[in-house]
Amino acid sequence: MSRDVNLGSTMTPRLHPHASASGKVILVGEHAVVYGQPALAAGLPDGLELWASPLDRRTDATRLVIPEWQLDLVLTPDNDHPVARATLEVLGFCDGPLTGWRITGTSRLPSRAGCGSSAALSVALARLVLGDEAAPADIIEASLAGERVFHGNPSGIDNLVATTGGIVRFVKGQPAAEIAVKAPLPLLVVPTGIPRSTAAQVTKVRERLARLPSIVRPILDAIGHATDDAISAINSCNYNILGEIFTVTHELLSSLGVSCPALDSLQADALSAGALGAKLTGAGGGGCLLVLPPADPSPVIDAMRARGLEPLAVEVR
């Protein structure tokens, strides 16, 4: 893609002073989506914010600093850190400046926890160059240049949600469909701090399906049905049913072997504290617990803090 960028008086490419992007969670449908079932993804508002300021010497390498992700990177071509490479890919794809800037970020998203942190970074970087007025399709296209560094052949769903927010239904190989949200959907995202490998969890399900197809295939189908039932619950603002869908889906995912004792224990604590529902989100095996809180979320938040964990409270619109 080649496009005009915001040029200063010296015709040097410039960055806009501020940009933001949403994070992402899977509401329902993880793992089953690999086998053609629908899934729901939701944007986590204000997941990442970036600010750009010019360096005194415009020929100095651009620097990227995001304290919450322990990132302080000098963006030189020989830097093989994946975030440095992805950042340079997005800036270059947009015909943006590769030197002369300091990019500082602040994030509410845990990194490498299934919350779309890499897509949020790529989308926010694209907006720093192209501006908030750029068409969403152009932001998504540019951000995919960064996501390819992280994921090789990304589906684009994370980038779509990072750009537009809201809730989308997606099926492998089909265009994503936005789901209208009639009222803000409150969520608590609880990072467990437990590392997880998406590839390992996907492999685990694939191998169990190969061994026990007559048992596992109906479980995957049930998760797909749960996705469409969740859409109906969201459309009618029936959060009691949505919470029950969350909880049942966690049990289905656990039967596939992708939960873990820590996630199960955390889910039990959330439900005991009054949560309407709770489930693992994303690949499982660690990462985050997704909680649908009651009208007063304080008891659930306190229960999570008693475990030494800090929930992220969001409203999906």
Protein backbone atom coordinates (compact mmCIF):
# COMPACT_ATOMS: atom_id res chain seq x y z
CA MET A 1 0.00 0.00 0.00
CA SER A 2 1.28 3.42 -0.88
CA ARG A 3 -0.50 6.51 0.41
CA ASP A 4 0.08 10.11 1.29
CA VAL A 5 1.08 10.68 4.91
CA ASN A 6 0.93 13.77 7.05
CA LEU A 7 3.94 15.79 5.84
CA GLY A 8 5.67 18.59 7.68
CA SER A 9 7.30 21.63 6.09
CA THR A 10 10.49 19.66 5.40
CA MET A 11 8.49 16.90 3.66
CA THR A 12 9.56 14.45 6.34
CA PRO A 13 6.92 11.84 7.22
CA ARG A 14 5.34 12.58 10.55
CA LEU A 15 3.32 10.67 13.11
CA HIS A 16 0.06 11.81 14.63
CA PRO A 17 0.45 12.61 18.33
CA HIS A 18 -1.93 9.94 19.66
CA ALA A 19 -3.63 6.70 18.67
CA SER A 20 -5.45 3.88 20.42
CA ALA A 21 -6.79 0.39 19.78
CA SER A 22 -8.97 -2.19 21.50
CA GLY A 23 -7.90 -5.52 22.91
CA LYS A 24 -9.85 -8.73 22.35
CA VAL A 25 -11.36 -11.66 24.14
CA ILE A 26 -13.23 -14.67 22.82
CA LEU A 27 -16.65 -14.67 24.44
CA VAL A 28 -17.69 -18.11 23.19
CA GLY A 29 -16.48 -20.55 20.56
CA GLU A 30 -12.75 -21.05 21.13
CA HIS A 31 -11.29 -24.27 19.70
CA ALA A 32 -14.59 -25.21 18.02
CA VAL A 33 -13.96 -22.37 15.56
CA VAL A 34 -10.98 -24.33 14.22
CA TYR A 35 -13.47 -26.97 13.02
CA GLY A 36 -15.93 -24.67 11.27
CA GLN A 37 -18.11 -23.65 14.20
CA PRO A 38 -18.93 -19.96 14.89
CA ALA A 39 -17.21 -17.94 17.60
CA LEU A 40 -17.76 -14.52 19.18
CA ALA A 41 -14.96 -12.02 19.75
CA ALA A 42 -15.37 -8.82 21.76
CA GLY A 43 -13.24 -5.69 21.81
CA LEU A 44 -11.75 -4.50 25.09
CA PRO A 45 -12.01 -0.69 24.87
CA ASP A 46 -8.89 1.47 25.29
CA GLY A 47 -6.67 -1.57 25.42
CA LEU A 48 -3.60 0.30 24.20
CA GLU A 49 -2.77 3.97 23.76
CA LEU A 50 0.30 5.30 21.96
CA TRP A 51 1.80 8.79 21.97
CA ALA A 52 4.41 10.00 19.48
CA SER A 53 6.90 12.83 20.02
CA PRO A 54 9.79 13.88 17.76
CA LEU A 55 13.38 13.26 18.80
CA ASP A 56 15.85 16.14 18.79
CA ARG A 57 17.79 14.43 16.02
CA ARG A 58 15.52 13.22 13.27
CA THR A 59 18.13 10.77 12.02
CA ASP A 60 18.19 8.84 15.32
CA ALA A 61 16.43 5.48 15.39
CA THR A 62 12.84 5.56 16.58
CA ARG A 63 12.28 4.16 20.08
CA LEU A 64 9.23 2.22 21.32
CA VAL A 65 8.55 2.18 25.06
CA ILE A 66 5.61 0.35 26.69
CA PRO A 67 6.36 -0.09 30.41
CA GLU A 68 3.46 -2.46 31.14
CA TRP A 69 4.86 -4.91 28.58
CA GLN A 70 8.49 -4.40 29.70
CA LEU A 71 9.33 -3.03 26.24
CA ASP A 72 12.04 -0.47 25.56
CA LEU A 73 13.21 -1.04 21.99
CA VAL A 74 15.38 0.88 19.57
CA LEU A 75 13.86 0.25 16.15
CA THR A 76 16.88 -0.48 14.01
CA PRO A 77 16.81 -2.86 11.03
CA ASP A 78 19.15 -5.29 12.80
CA ASN A 79 16.93 -5.58 15.90
CA ASP A 80 15.44 -9.07 15.70
CA HIS A 81 12.98 -8.61 18.59
CA PRO A 82 9.56 -9.54 17.13
CA VAL A 83 7.93 -6.35 18.43
CA ALA A 84 10.67 -4.23 16.82
CA ARG A 85 10.30 -6.08 13.53
CA ALA A 86 6.50 -5.83 13.60
CA THR A 87 6.61 -2.12 14.42
CA LEU A 88 8.96 -1.40 11.53
CA GLU A 89 6.77 -3.47 9.20
CA VAL A 90 3.66 -1.44 10.04
CA LEU A 91 5.42 1.93 9.82
CA GLY A 92 7.06 0.97 6.54
CA PHE A 93 3.82 -0.42 5.08
CA CYS A 94 2.13 2.93 5.79
CA ASP A 95 5.05 4.97 4.37
CA GLY A 96 5.58 6.35 7.86
CA PRO A 97 8.85 7.56 9.41
CA LEU A 98 11.33 4.90 10.45
CA THR A 99 13.59 7.31 12.36
CA GLY A 100 13.27 10.43 14.49
CA TRP A 101 10.46 9.55 16.90
CA ARG A 102 9.77 8.28 20.39
CA ILE A 103 6.60 6.19 20.66
CA THR A 104 5.38 5.72 24.22
CA GLY A 105 2.53 3.40 25.12
CA THR A 106 0.35 2.53 28.04
CA SER A 107 -1.74 -0.63 28.11
CA ARG A 108 -4.41 -2.26 30.22
CA LEU A 109 -3.88 -5.53 28.34
CA PRO A 110 -1.69 -8.31 29.68
CA SER A 111 0.76 -9.35 27.00
CA ARG A 112 0.84 -12.92 25.67
CA ALA A 113 -2.40 -13.77 27.49
CA GLY A 114 -4.87 -14.12 24.64
CA CYS A 115 -6.15 -10.53 24.86
CA GLY A 116 -5.07 -9.39 21.40
CA SER A 117 -2.09 -7.32 22.54
CA SER A 118 -0.15 -7.78 19.29
CA ALA A 119 -3.12 -6.77 17.14
CA ALA A 120 -3.78 -3.75 19.37
CA LEU A 121 -0.17 -2.65 18.89
CA SER A 122 -0.31 -3.09 15.12
CA VAL A 123 -3.61 -1.22 14.82
CA ALA A 124 -2.49 1.66 17.06
CA LEU A 125 0.75 1.99 15.07
CA ALA A 126 -1.19 2.14 11.82
CA ARG A 127 -3.37 4.88 13.28
CA LEU A 128 -0.30 6.84 14.38
CA VAL A 129 0.64 7.13 10.71
CA LEU A 130 -2.72 7.18 8.93
CA GLY A 131 -4.75 9.07 11.53
CA ASP A 132 -8.13 8.42 13.10
CA GLU A 133 -9.86 9.56 9.92
CA ALA A 134 -8.46 6.63 7.91
CA ALA A 135 -10.94 4.00 6.75
CA PRO A 136 -11.12 0.94 9.02
CA ALA A 137 -10.28 -1.31 6.07
CA ASP A 138 -7.02 0.60 5.53
CA ILE A 139 -6.13 0.38 9.23
CA ILE A 140 -6.78 -3.36 9.23
CA GLU A 141 -4.77 -3.92 6.05
CA ALA A 142 -1.80 -1.98 7.41
CA SER A 143 -1.94 -3.65 10.82
CA LEU A 144 -1.80 -7.11 9.25
CA ALA A 145 1.77 -6.33 8.19
CA GLY A 146 2.68 -6.40 11.88
CA GLU A 147 0.51 -9.38 12.76
CA ARG A 148 2.26 -11.49 10.11
CA VAL A 149 5.49 -11.07 12.06
CA PHE A 150 3.82 -12.42 15.20
CA HIS A 151 1.52 -15.08 13.77
CA GLY A 152 2.59 -15.88 10.22
CA ASN A 153 -0.88 -16.15 8.67
CA PRO A 154 -3.32 -14.34 10.99
CA SER A 155 -7.07 -14.70 10.52
CA GLY A 156 -7.56 -10.92 10.78
CA ILE A 157 -10.24 -11.25 13.46
CA ASP A 158 -8.03 -9.76 16.17
CA ASN A 159 -7.19 -6.83 13.90
CA LEU A 160 -10.84 -6.25 13.04
CA VAL A 161 -11.87 -6.17 16.70
CA ALA A 162 -8.85 -4.03 17.64
CA THR A 163 -9.96 -1.51 15.01
CA THR A 164 -13.73 -1.44 15.45
CA GLY A 165 -14.35 -2.72 18.97
CA GLY A 166 -17.78 -4.19 19.65
CA ILE A 167 -18.68 -7.84 19.13
CA VAL A 168 -18.22 -9.88 15.97
CA ARG A 169 -19.36 -13.37 14.99
CA PHE A 170 -16.93 -15.22 12.79
CA VAL A 171 -16.72 -18.56 11.05
CA LYS A 172 -13.54 -19.85 9.46
CA GLY A 173 -13.39 -18.85 5.81
CA GLN A 174 -16.38 -16.47 5.99
CA PRO A 175 -16.63 -12.70 6.43
CA ALA A 176 -17.07 -11.60 10.04
CA ALA A 177 -20.45 -10.16 11.05
CA GLU A 178 -20.81 -7.38 13.60
CA ILE A 179 -23.32 -7.98 16.40
CA ALA A 180 -25.24 -4.91 17.52
CA VAL A 181 -24.97 -4.38 21.27
CA LYS A 182 -28.18 -2.85 22.64
CA ALA A 183 -26.69 -2.13 26.07
CA PRO A 184 -23.12 -2.11 27.38
CA LEU A 185 -21.93 -5.62 28.20
CA PRO A 186 -19.92 -5.61 31.46
CA LEU A 187 -17.01 -8.04 31.69
CA LEU A 188 -14.15 -8.79 34.03
CA VAL A 189 -10.97 -10.15 32.46
CA VAL A 190 -8.77 -11.83 35.05
CA PRO A 191 -5.15 -12.49 34.00
CA THR A 192 -3.93 -15.64 35.73
CA GLY A 193 -0.26 -14.99 35.01
CA ILE A 194 0.03 -18.60 33.83
CA PRO A 195 1.88 -18.89 30.50
CA ARG A 196 0.08 -20.82 27.79
CA SER A 197 0.81 -22.02 24.28
CA THR A 198 -1.98 -21.68 21.75
CA ALA A 199 -0.33 -24.22 19.46
CA ALA A 200 -0.05 -26.78 22.25
CA GLN A 201 -3.70 -26.44 23.23
CA VAL A 202 -4.91 -26.64 19.61
CA THR A 203 -2.80 -29.77 19.14
CA LYS A 204 -4.28 -31.30 22.30
CA VAL A 205 -7.82 -30.89 20.96
CA ARG A 206 -6.89 -32.18 17.51
CA GLU A 207 -5.31 -35.32 18.96
CA ARG A 208 -8.28 -35.97 21.27
CA LEU A 209 -10.65 -35.55 18.33
CA ALA A 210 -8.61 -38.08 16.33
CA ARG A 211 -8.75 -40.60 19.19
CA LEU A 212 -12.39 -40.06 20.22
CA PRO A 213 -14.26 -38.54 17.26
CA SER A 214 -17.73 -39.75 18.28
CA ILE A 215 -17.32 -38.04 21.67
CA VAL A 216 -15.32 -34.93 20.83
CA ARG A 217 -17.17 -33.90 17.65
CA PRO A 218 -20.48 -33.41 19.52
CA ILE A 219 -18.66 -31.32 22.12
CA LEU A 220 -17.32 -29.04 19.39
CA ASP A 221 -20.81 -28.83 17.87
CA ALA A 222 -22.26 -27.93 21.28
CA ILE A 223 -19.75 -25.09 21.66
CA GLY A 224 -20.88 -23.82 18.25
CA HIS A 225 -24.52 -23.92 19.37
CA ALA A 226 -23.51 -22.05 22.54
CA THR A 227 -22.12 -19.25 20.38
CA ASP A 228 -25.43 -18.62 18.63
CA ASP A 229 -27.34 -18.98 21.91
CA ALA A 230 -24.99 -16.35 23.37
CA ILE A 231 -25.87 -13.97 20.53
CA SER A 232 -29.57 -14.39 21.35
CA ALA A 233 -28.86 -13.71 25.03
CA ILE A 234 -26.86 -10.58 24.17
CA ASN A 235 -29.61 -9.35 21.84
CA SER A 236 -32.19 -9.71 24.61
CA CYS A 237 -29.83 -8.45 27.36
CA ASN A 238 -30.48 -11.70 29.22
CA TYR A 239 -27.27 -11.80 31.19
CA ASN A 240 -28.39 -14.63 33.45
CA ILE A 241 -28.62 -16.92 30.43
CA LEU A 242 -25.40 -15.52 28.98
CA GLY A 243 -23.64 -16.23 32.26
CA GLU A 244 -24.92 -19.79 32.29
CA ILE A 245 -23.66 -20.21 28.71
CA PHE A 246 -20.24 -18.99 29.84
CA THR A 247 -20.14 -21.53 32.66
CA VAL A 248 -21.37 -24.45 30.56
CA THR A 249 -18.91 -23.58 27.82
CA HIS A 250 -16.05 -23.67 30.33
CA GLU A 251 -17.12 -27.17 31.28
CA LEU A 252 -17.22 -28.21 27.62
CA LEU A 253 -13.75 -26.76 27.03
CA SER A 254 -12.49 -28.48 30.16
CA SER A 255 -13.71 -31.80 28.75
CA LEU A 256 -11.49 -31.13 25.73
CA GLY A 257 -8.51 -30.88 28.08
CA VAL A 258 -7.74 -27.18 27.59
CA SER A 259 -8.51 -25.90 31.08
CA CYS A 260 -6.19 -26.38 34.06
CA PRO A 261 -6.63 -26.70 37.84
CA ALA A 262 -5.80 -23.04 38.44
CA LEU A 263 -8.44 -21.85 35.94
CA ASP A 264 -11.04 -24.23 37.36
CA SER A 265 -10.33 -23.05 40.91
CA LEU A 266 -10.49 -19.40 39.86
CA GLN A 267 -13.78 -19.99 38.08
CA ALA A 268 -15.22 -21.60 41.21
CA ASP A 269 -14.16 -18.61 43.32
CA ALA A 270 -15.77 -16.18 40.86
CA LEU A 271 -19.05 -18.10 40.86
CA SER A 272 -19.04 -18.37 44.66
CA ALA A 273 -18.62 -14.58 44.84
CA GLY A 274 -21.75 -14.04 42.75
CA ALA A 275 -20.54 -14.01 39.15
CA LEU A 276 -23.32 -14.74 36.65
CA GLY A 277 -20.87 -16.92 34.73
CA ALA A 278 -17.18 -17.47 34.12
CA LYS A 279 -15.04 -19.31 31.62
CA LEU A 280 -11.56 -19.55 30.22
CA THR A 281 -11.05 -17.38 27.17
CA GLY A 282 -8.80 -18.08 24.23
CA ALA A 283 -6.57 -21.12 23.98
CA GLY A 284 -6.79 -22.11 27.65
CA GLY A 285 -4.16 -23.82 29.73
CA GLY A 286 -3.56 -20.46 31.43
CA GLY A 287 -4.06 -16.95 30.10
CA CYS A 288 -7.22 -15.26 31.38
CA LEU A 289 -10.55 -16.07 33.00
CA LEU A 290 -13.53 -14.19 31.54
CA VAL A 291 -16.21 -13.30 34.08
CA LEU A 292 -19.72 -11.94 33.60
CA PRO A 293 -20.16 -9.98 36.84
CA PRO A 294 -23.37 -9.23 38.77
CA ALA A 295 -24.77 -5.70 38.92
CA ASP A 296 -22.37 -4.96 41.79
CA PRO A 297 -19.07 -6.51 40.71
CA SER A 298 -17.25 -5.62 43.95
CA PRO A 299 -17.50 -9.06 45.63
CA VAL A 300 -16.09 -10.76 42.53
CA ILE A 301 -13.30 -8.22 42.19
CA ASP A 302 -12.46 -8.63 45.88
CA ALA A 303 -12.38 -12.42 45.48
CA MET A 304 -9.96 -12.14 42.59
CA ARG A 305 -7.77 -9.67 44.46
CA ALA A 306 -7.70 -12.05 47.40
CA ARG A 307 -5.99 -14.46 45.00
CA GLY A 308 -3.41 -11.77 44.19
CA LEU A 309 -4.96 -11.06 40.78
CA GLU A 310 -6.14 -7.74 39.35
CA PRO A 311 -9.26 -7.98 37.14
CA LEU A 312 -9.67 -5.67 34.17
CA ALA A 313 -13.22 -4.24 34.19
CA VAL A 314 -14.58 -3.24 30.78
CA GLU A 315 -17.86 -2.47 29.08
CA VAL A 316 -18.23 -3.73 25.52
CA ARG A 317 -20.38 -1.41 23.41
